[in-house]
């Protein structure tokens, strides 16, 4: 078999204008990879692409295209010589998924099938999937190994579970197809430049972006759901990991795919659990003052502890979360102070040449 010249080929990143996607695109470009980004900008802004270009000094090949648009995806795959896909695109709010489950299943599952169809037609055999620790449901063992039973408790998590199964079946059917399923825990923080970070539309769904909006004055206080968990301070435990560390995990997974491993599954987490109150204290240190919060009853479906066992990724990918909780909070506060409204107010529309219909 002839060796593949990956240097001349492209990594296609769906959802590359989003929070984790944009940070990963920066890492890819800085490593010298050729990248093409596909995003429908439903929950993202074209300003993220401009910031990527500002940070890296490189032009980004970007196309506004929904993964439900199979013909659009075909155009992009036919235009670029792609060797691997990193798939971030998808709806991502747990609460919303319980209210509009059909939209979640259609967007995430049908969209992924379209993506795999376009890959199949152009003989692209490598896939890195943005999965989630949500697939573990309420795990029996902490820290959670990749062998833990799967049992998500909401439609968002089930879309991740179903897509994982589709990829496992595809790898079993095609010995040349490789997929890395990356189950991340709780990404937080921002790029050290302060140019890029999480910019949620509306009210943030996650703890850290909400807390940073409290710090900047956009929200009056944080509501802490549950103070009666069997933990050191009664609040739930999660494994927080810096978004830059999550991004580097995708680059490590790409290297793994070059060895033709078939389907591989990795946790991306720090291996250290922190309670909600510990996260508030860490953010207090970064901001330099105490942030207001209110203790409230538990939310249905929330589990006590989701902490990763990342030893498999540490060993097989030679990857490890490097950044501390304090670095995470300092970078988040740096981003929030420089961009109090995130990307809101910037022109979200890409230039005409970035529209998939114009290829």
Protein backbone atom coordinates (compact mmCIF):
# COMPACT_ATOMS: atom_id res chain seq x y z
CA UNK A 1 0.00 0.00 0.00
CA UNK A 2 1.32 3.45 -0.90
CA UNK A 3 1.95 5.84 1.99
CA UNK A 4 -0.56 8.67 2.25
CA UNK A 5 0.76 12.21 1.92
CA UNK A 6 -1.36 13.82 4.61
CA UNK A 7 0.51 17.14 4.27
CA UNK A 8 -1.21 17.95 0.98
CA UNK A 9 -4.70 16.88 2.10
CA UNK A 10 -7.38 18.61 4.15
CA UNK A 11 -9.04 18.06 7.48
CA UNK A 12 -12.72 19.00 7.17
CA UNK A 13 -14.17 20.41 10.41
CA UNK A 14 -17.94 20.60 10.80
CA UNK A 15 -19.11 23.10 13.41
CA UNK A 16 -15.72 24.76 13.16
CA UNK A 17 -17.07 28.21 14.03
CA UNK A 18 -18.40 26.96 17.36
CA UNK A 19 -16.72 27.01 20.75
CA UNK A 20 -14.64 23.81 20.72
CA UNK A 21 -14.51 23.68 16.93
CA UNK A 22 -12.92 27.12 16.54
CA UNK A 23 -10.25 26.37 19.15
CA UNK A 24 -9.48 23.08 17.39
CA UNK A 25 -9.19 24.83 14.01
CA UNK A 26 -6.59 27.18 15.56
CA UNK A 27 -4.59 24.19 16.83
CA UNK A 28 -4.79 22.47 13.44
CA UNK A 29 -3.65 25.55 11.53
CA UNK A 30 -0.81 26.22 13.95
CA UNK A 31 0.34 22.61 13.46
CA UNK A 32 0.46 23.23 9.70
CA UNK A 33 -2.65 21.25 8.72
CA UNK A 34 -4.80 22.25 5.75
CA UNK A 35 -8.31 22.90 7.04
CA UNK A 36 -11.74 23.49 5.55
CA UNK A 37 -14.53 24.57 7.92
CA UNK A 38 -18.23 23.83 7.42
CA UNK A 39 -20.78 25.50 9.69
CA UNK A 40 -24.38 26.67 9.27
CA UNK A 41 -23.76 29.47 11.84
CA UNK A 42 -27.00 28.55 13.64
CA UNK A 43 -25.32 28.75 17.05
CA UNK A 44 -22.09 30.44 15.97
CA UNK A 45 -20.80 33.60 14.33
CA UNK A 46 -18.62 34.22 11.30
CA UNK A 47 -16.66 36.53 13.61
CA UNK A 48 -15.10 33.35 15.06
CA UNK A 49 -13.58 32.63 11.64
CA UNK A 50 -12.16 36.16 11.48
CA UNK A 51 -10.64 35.68 14.94
CA UNK A 52 -9.09 32.34 13.91
CA UNK A 53 -7.44 34.13 10.98
CA UNK A 54 -6.27 36.91 13.30
CA UNK A 55 -4.71 34.46 15.77
CA UNK A 56 -3.05 32.19 13.21
CA UNK A 57 -2.29 34.66 10.41
CA UNK A 58 -3.75 32.12 7.99
CA UNK A 59 -6.75 32.29 5.66
CA UNK A 60 -9.53 29.85 6.58
CA UNK A 61 -11.39 27.91 3.89
CA UNK A 62 -14.93 28.37 5.21
CA UNK A 63 -18.33 27.39 3.79
CA UNK A 64 -21.71 28.16 5.27
CA UNK A 65 -23.50 24.86 4.86
CA UNK A 66 -25.90 22.81 6.95
CA UNK A 67 -25.00 19.13 7.35
CA UNK A 68 -28.62 18.39 6.39
CA UNK A 69 -27.68 19.72 2.93
CA UNK A 70 -26.22 16.59 1.33
CA UNK A 71 -25.70 18.22 -2.07
CA UNK A 72 -23.79 21.07 -0.41
CA UNK A 73 -21.57 18.60 1.44
CA UNK A 74 -20.92 16.75 -1.83
CA UNK A 75 -19.74 19.99 -3.45
CA UNK A 76 -17.27 20.63 -0.63
CA UNK A 77 -15.89 17.06 -0.63
CA UNK A 78 -15.48 17.21 -4.40
CA UNK A 79 -13.65 20.55 -4.18
CA UNK A 80 -11.12 19.56 -1.47
CA UNK A 81 -8.93 16.48 -1.10
CA UNK A 82 -10.06 15.52 2.42
CA UNK A 83 -8.29 12.81 4.42
CA UNK A 84 -10.23 13.16 7.68
CA UNK A 85 -13.34 14.74 9.15
CA UNK A 86 -13.67 16.18 12.67
CA UNK A 87 -17.39 16.34 13.41
CA UNK A 88 -18.55 18.95 15.94
CA UNK A 89 -21.78 20.11 14.26
CA UNK A 90 -25.01 19.43 16.13
CA UNK A 91 -27.55 20.85 18.55
CA UNK A 92 -26.19 20.71 22.08
CA UNK A 93 -28.54 21.76 24.90
CA UNK A 94 -29.69 18.95 27.19
CA UNK A 95 -32.81 20.80 28.41
CA UNK A 96 -33.86 21.88 24.93
CA UNK A 97 -33.42 18.33 23.64
CA UNK A 98 -36.19 17.12 25.98
CA UNK A 99 -38.56 19.74 24.52
CA UNK A 100 -37.79 19.31 20.80
CA UNK A 101 -36.38 15.77 20.51
CA UNK A 102 -37.29 15.36 16.82
CA UNK A 103 -35.18 18.40 15.89
CA UNK A 104 -32.23 16.90 17.78
CA UNK A 105 -32.57 13.49 16.15
CA UNK A 106 -33.04 14.96 12.68
CA UNK A 107 -30.19 17.45 12.93
CA UNK A 108 -27.62 15.23 14.58
CA UNK A 109 -28.38 11.78 13.20
CA UNK A 110 -29.58 12.64 9.68
CA UNK A 111 -26.82 15.25 9.41
CA UNK A 112 -24.17 12.72 10.42
CA UNK A 113 -25.53 10.16 7.93
CA UNK A 114 -25.29 12.81 5.20
CA UNK A 115 -21.70 13.50 6.20
CA UNK A 116 -20.83 9.80 6.12
CA UNK A 117 -22.55 9.46 2.74
CA UNK A 118 -20.47 12.30 1.26
CA UNK A 119 -17.34 10.73 2.76
CA UNK A 120 -18.22 7.34 1.31
CA UNK A 121 -18.69 8.81 -2.17
CA UNK A 122 -15.24 10.42 -2.05
CA UNK A 123 -13.45 7.55 -0.27
CA UNK A 124 -12.68 9.47 2.96
CA UNK A 125 -12.03 6.91 5.68
CA UNK A 126 -11.16 8.81 8.88
CA UNK A 127 -13.59 10.38 11.35
CA UNK A 128 -13.15 12.09 14.73
CA UNK A 129 -16.47 12.40 16.54
CA UNK A 130 -17.31 14.98 19.17
CA UNK A 131 -19.10 12.78 21.68
CA UNK A 132 -19.85 13.49 25.33
CA UNK A 133 -19.65 12.10 28.84
CA UNK A 134 -23.46 12.38 28.78
CA UNK A 135 -23.48 8.93 27.15
CA UNK A 136 -22.57 7.43 30.54
CA UNK A 137 -25.81 8.50 32.23
CA UNK A 138 -25.46 7.79 35.95
CA UNK A 139 -22.22 5.76 35.99
CA UNK A 140 -21.65 2.97 38.54
CA UNK A 141 -17.91 3.64 38.91
CA UNK A 142 -16.02 6.94 39.49
CA UNK A 143 -13.69 7.86 37.85
CA UNK A 144 -15.46 6.68 34.69
CA UNK A 145 -13.56 4.34 32.33
CA UNK A 146 -14.49 4.00 28.65
CA UNK A 147 -15.82 0.50 29.47
CA UNK A 148 -18.54 1.96 31.71
CA UNK A 149 -22.09 1.05 30.64
CA UNK A 150 -23.80 3.45 28.24
CA UNK A 151 -27.15 4.85 29.32
CA UNK A 152 -27.92 8.46 28.52
CA UNK A 153 -30.93 10.06 30.20
CA UNK A 154 -31.91 12.66 27.57
CA UNK A 155 -32.33 13.00 23.77
CA UNK A 156 -29.13 15.04 23.39
CA UNK A 157 -27.08 12.27 25.00
CA UNK A 158 -28.93 9.61 23.01
CA UNK A 159 -28.01 11.29 19.72
CA UNK A 160 -24.36 10.92 20.78
CA UNK A 161 -24.94 7.27 21.74
CA UNK A 162 -26.69 6.46 18.45
CA UNK A 163 -24.00 8.15 16.35
CA UNK A 164 -21.31 6.26 18.25
CA UNK A 165 -23.12 3.02 17.41
CA UNK A 166 -23.42 4.00 13.72
CA UNK A 167 -19.66 4.61 13.61
CA UNK A 168 -18.91 1.33 15.39
CA UNK A 169 -21.08 -0.52 12.85
CA UNK A 170 -19.38 1.27 9.97
CA UNK A 171 -15.91 0.38 11.25
CA UNK A 172 -17.00 -3.26 11.68
CA UNK A 173 -18.31 -3.35 8.10
CA UNK A 174 -15.34 -1.57 6.51
CA UNK A 175 -11.85 -2.50 7.81
CA UNK A 176 -10.43 0.63 6.15
CA UNK A 177 -12.73 3.01 8.05
CA UNK A 178 -11.37 4.55 11.26
CA UNK A 179 -13.29 6.49 13.90
CA UNK A 180 -12.14 8.10 17.15
CA UNK A 181 -15.04 8.69 19.54
CA UNK A 182 -14.00 11.45 21.95
CA UNK A 183 -16.17 11.65 25.04
CA UNK A 184 -15.47 14.99 26.60
CA UNK A 185 -16.36 16.00 30.05
CA UNK A 186 -16.83 19.74 30.82
CA UNK A 187 -14.82 22.02 28.52
CA UNK A 188 -14.30 25.54 29.86
CA UNK A 189 -11.93 28.46 29.48
CA UNK A 190 -10.88 30.39 26.39
CA UNK A 191 -7.96 31.02 24.05
CA UNK A 192 -5.09 32.73 25.91
CA UNK A 193 -5.21 35.67 23.45
CA UNK A 194 -8.65 36.65 24.73
CA UNK A 195 -9.79 36.80 21.10
CA UNK A 196 -11.81 33.63 21.19
CA UNK A 197 -14.06 31.92 23.71
CA UNK A 198 -17.54 30.60 24.29
CA UNK A 199 -20.24 32.93 22.97
CA UNK A 200 -23.60 31.32 23.76
CA UNK A 201 -26.80 32.57 22.18
CA UNK A 202 -29.23 33.64 24.90
CA UNK A 203 -28.92 32.27 28.43
CA UNK A 204 -25.86 29.99 28.80
CA UNK A 205 -26.65 26.33 29.48
CA UNK A 206 -23.35 25.57 31.22
CA UNK A 207 -21.94 26.64 34.58
CA UNK A 208 -18.78 28.51 33.58
CA UNK A 209 -20.10 30.79 30.80
CA UNK A 210 -23.07 31.62 33.04
CA UNK A 211 -20.75 32.41 35.95
CA UNK A 212 -18.58 34.65 33.77
CA UNK A 213 -21.72 36.54 32.69
CA UNK A 214 -22.56 37.04 36.38
CA UNK A 215 -19.04 38.41 36.86
CA UNK A 216 -19.37 40.87 33.95
CA UNK A 217 -22.82 42.00 35.16
CA UNK A 218 -25.04 40.44 32.51
CA UNK A 219 -26.68 38.10 35.06
CA UNK A 220 -27.56 38.97 38.64
CA UNK A 221 -26.52 35.68 40.27
CA UNK A 222 -25.81 32.02 39.67
CA UNK A 223 -28.38 29.42 40.69
CA UNK A 224 -26.68 26.33 42.14
CA UNK A 225 -28.96 23.33 41.65
CA UNK A 226 -28.68 21.00 44.61
CA UNK A 227 -26.77 21.30 47.89
CA UNK A 228 -27.66 17.84 49.25
CA UNK A 229 -25.50 15.61 47.07
CA UNK A 230 -23.20 13.14 48.91
CA UNK A 231 -20.11 15.29 48.23
CA UNK A 232 -17.74 17.35 50.38
CA UNK A 233 -19.90 20.49 50.15
CA UNK A 234 -23.22 19.06 48.94
CA UNK A 235 -22.91 20.28 45.35
CA UNK A 236 -22.47 18.11 42.26
CA UNK A 237 -19.03 17.14 40.96
CA UNK A 238 -17.90 17.51 37.36
CA UNK A 239 -14.58 17.12 35.55
CA UNK A 240 -13.63 20.48 34.01
CA UNK A 241 -11.07 20.60 31.23
CA UNK A 242 -9.56 23.59 29.43
CA UNK A 243 -10.88 23.99 25.89
CA UNK A 244 -7.31 24.21 24.55
CA UNK A 245 -6.58 20.80 26.11
CA UNK A 246 -9.75 19.39 24.52
CA UNK A 247 -8.60 20.79 21.16
CA UNK A 248 -5.18 19.18 21.43
CA UNK A 249 -6.95 15.88 22.10
CA UNK A 250 -8.43 16.05 18.60
CA UNK A 251 -4.99 16.48 17.06
CA UNK A 252 -3.77 13.47 19.03
CA UNK A 253 -6.78 11.49 17.76
CA UNK A 254 -5.96 12.43 14.15
CA UNK A 255 -2.47 11.02 14.62
CA UNK A 256 -3.98 7.82 16.00
CA UNK A 257 -6.24 7.46 12.94
CA UNK A 258 -3.16 7.38 10.68
CA UNK A 259 -2.35 3.96 12.21
CA UNK A 260 -5.64 2.47 10.92
CA UNK A 261 -6.95 1.52 14.40
CA UNK A 262 -10.60 0.93 13.44
CA UNK A 263 -13.00 2.30 16.07
CA UNK A 264 -11.38 3.71 19.22
CA UNK A 265 -13.01 5.43 22.20
CA UNK A 266 -11.35 7.94 24.53
CA UNK A 267 -12.37 10.09 27.48
CA UNK A 268 -11.09 13.65 27.31
CA UNK A 269 -11.05 14.85 30.89
CA UNK A 270 -8.61 15.96 33.56
CA UNK A 271 -9.35 13.08 35.91
CA UNK A 272 -9.97 15.61 38.69
CA UNK A 273 -13.52 16.28 39.90
CA UNK A 274 -14.56 19.71 41.21
CA UNK A 275 -17.77 20.67 42.97
CA UNK A 276 -19.87 23.60 41.81
CA UNK A 277 -18.82 25.61 44.87
CA UNK A 278 -15.14 24.89 44.15
CA UNK A 279 -15.63 26.23 40.62
CA UNK A 280 -17.25 29.38 42.01
CA UNK A 281 -14.26 29.84 44.34
CA UNK A 282 -11.82 29.40 41.44
CA UNK A 283 -13.73 32.01 39.41
CA UNK A 284 -13.75 34.32 42.44
CA UNK A 285 -9.96 34.15 42.46
CA UNK A 286 -9.74 35.01 38.76
CA UNK A 287 -12.18 37.91 39.04
CA UNK A 288 -10.86 39.19 42.37
CA UNK A 289 -14.18 39.28 44.20
CA UNK A 290 -16.94 36.99 45.45
CA UNK A 291 -19.65 36.28 42.89
CA UNK A 292 -23.27 36.00 44.06
CA UNK A 293 -25.04 32.65 43.97
CA UNK A 294 -28.21 31.08 45.33
CA UNK A 295 -28.72 27.48 46.42
CA UNK A 296 -31.73 25.85 44.74
CA UNK A 297 -33.28 22.36 44.62
CA UNK A 298 -31.73 19.72 42.38
CA UNK A 299 -32.75 19.51 38.74
CA UNK A 300 -34.28 16.22 37.59
CA UNK A 301 -31.80 14.09 35.69
CA UNK A 302 -28.64 15.61 37.19
CA UNK A 303 -26.20 13.05 38.57
CA UNK A 304 -23.84 13.37 41.53
CA UNK A 305 -20.46 12.87 39.92
CA UNK A 306 -19.08 12.79 36.38
CA UNK A 307 -15.30 12.52 36.62
CA UNK A 308 -13.24 10.95 33.86
CA UNK A 309 -10.67 8.23 33.96
CA UNK A 310 -8.45 9.65 31.18
CA UNK A 311 -5.68 7.04 31.50
CA UNK A 312 -6.47 5.38 28.15
CA UNK A 313 -6.05 8.67 26.25
CA UNK A 314 -2.97 9.45 28.35
CA UNK A 315 -1.36 6.17 27.28
CA UNK A 316 -2.62 5.51 23.75
CA UNK A 317 -2.79 9.09 22.44
CA UNK A 318 0.13 10.43 24.49
CA UNK A 319 -2.28 13.20 25.49
CA UNK A 320 -2.91 14.74 28.89
CA UNK A 321 -4.88 17.72 30.17
CA UNK A 322 -2.17 20.22 31.09
CA UNK A 323 -3.94 23.39 32.17
CA UNK A 324 -5.11 24.04 35.74
CA UNK A 325 -8.49 25.15 37.05
CA UNK A 326 -7.08 28.60 37.76
CA UNK A 327 -5.69 28.93 34.21
CA UNK A 328 -9.13 27.95 32.92
CA UNK A 329 -10.85 30.65 34.96
CA UNK A 330 -8.25 33.35 34.20
CA UNK A 331 -8.54 32.71 30.45
CA UNK A 332 -12.34 32.74 30.67
CA UNK A 333 -12.33 36.05 32.54
CA UNK A 334 -9.81 37.52 30.07
CA UNK A 335 -12.13 36.59 27.18
CA UNK A 336 -15.24 37.89 28.96
CA UNK A 337 -13.73 41.26 29.92
CA UNK A 338 -12.40 41.85 26.39
CA UNK A 339 -15.68 40.65 24.82
CA UNK A 340 -18.47 41.39 27.32
CA UNK A 341 -21.12 40.41 24.77
CA UNK A 342 -19.13 37.64 23.10
CA UNK A 343 -19.51 37.82 19.33
CA UNK A 344 -22.88 39.53 19.60
CA UNK A 345 -23.05 42.69 17.50
CA UNK A 346 -20.48 41.55 14.95
CA UNK A 347 -21.46 40.86 11.36
CA UNK A 348 -22.43 37.19 11.39
CA UNK A 349 -22.68 36.85 7.61
CA UNK A 350 -19.77 35.43 5.65
CA UNK A 351 -18.72 36.86 2.27
CA UNK A 352 -20.54 35.56 -0.80
CA UNK A 353 -17.71 33.20 -1.79
CA UNK A 354 -18.27 31.31 1.49
CA UNK A 355 -21.82 30.31 0.56
CA UNK A 356 -21.94 26.68 -0.51
CA UNK A 357 -24.26 27.53 -3.43
CA UNK A 358 -21.45 29.59 -4.93
CA UNK A 359 -18.95 26.73 -5.17
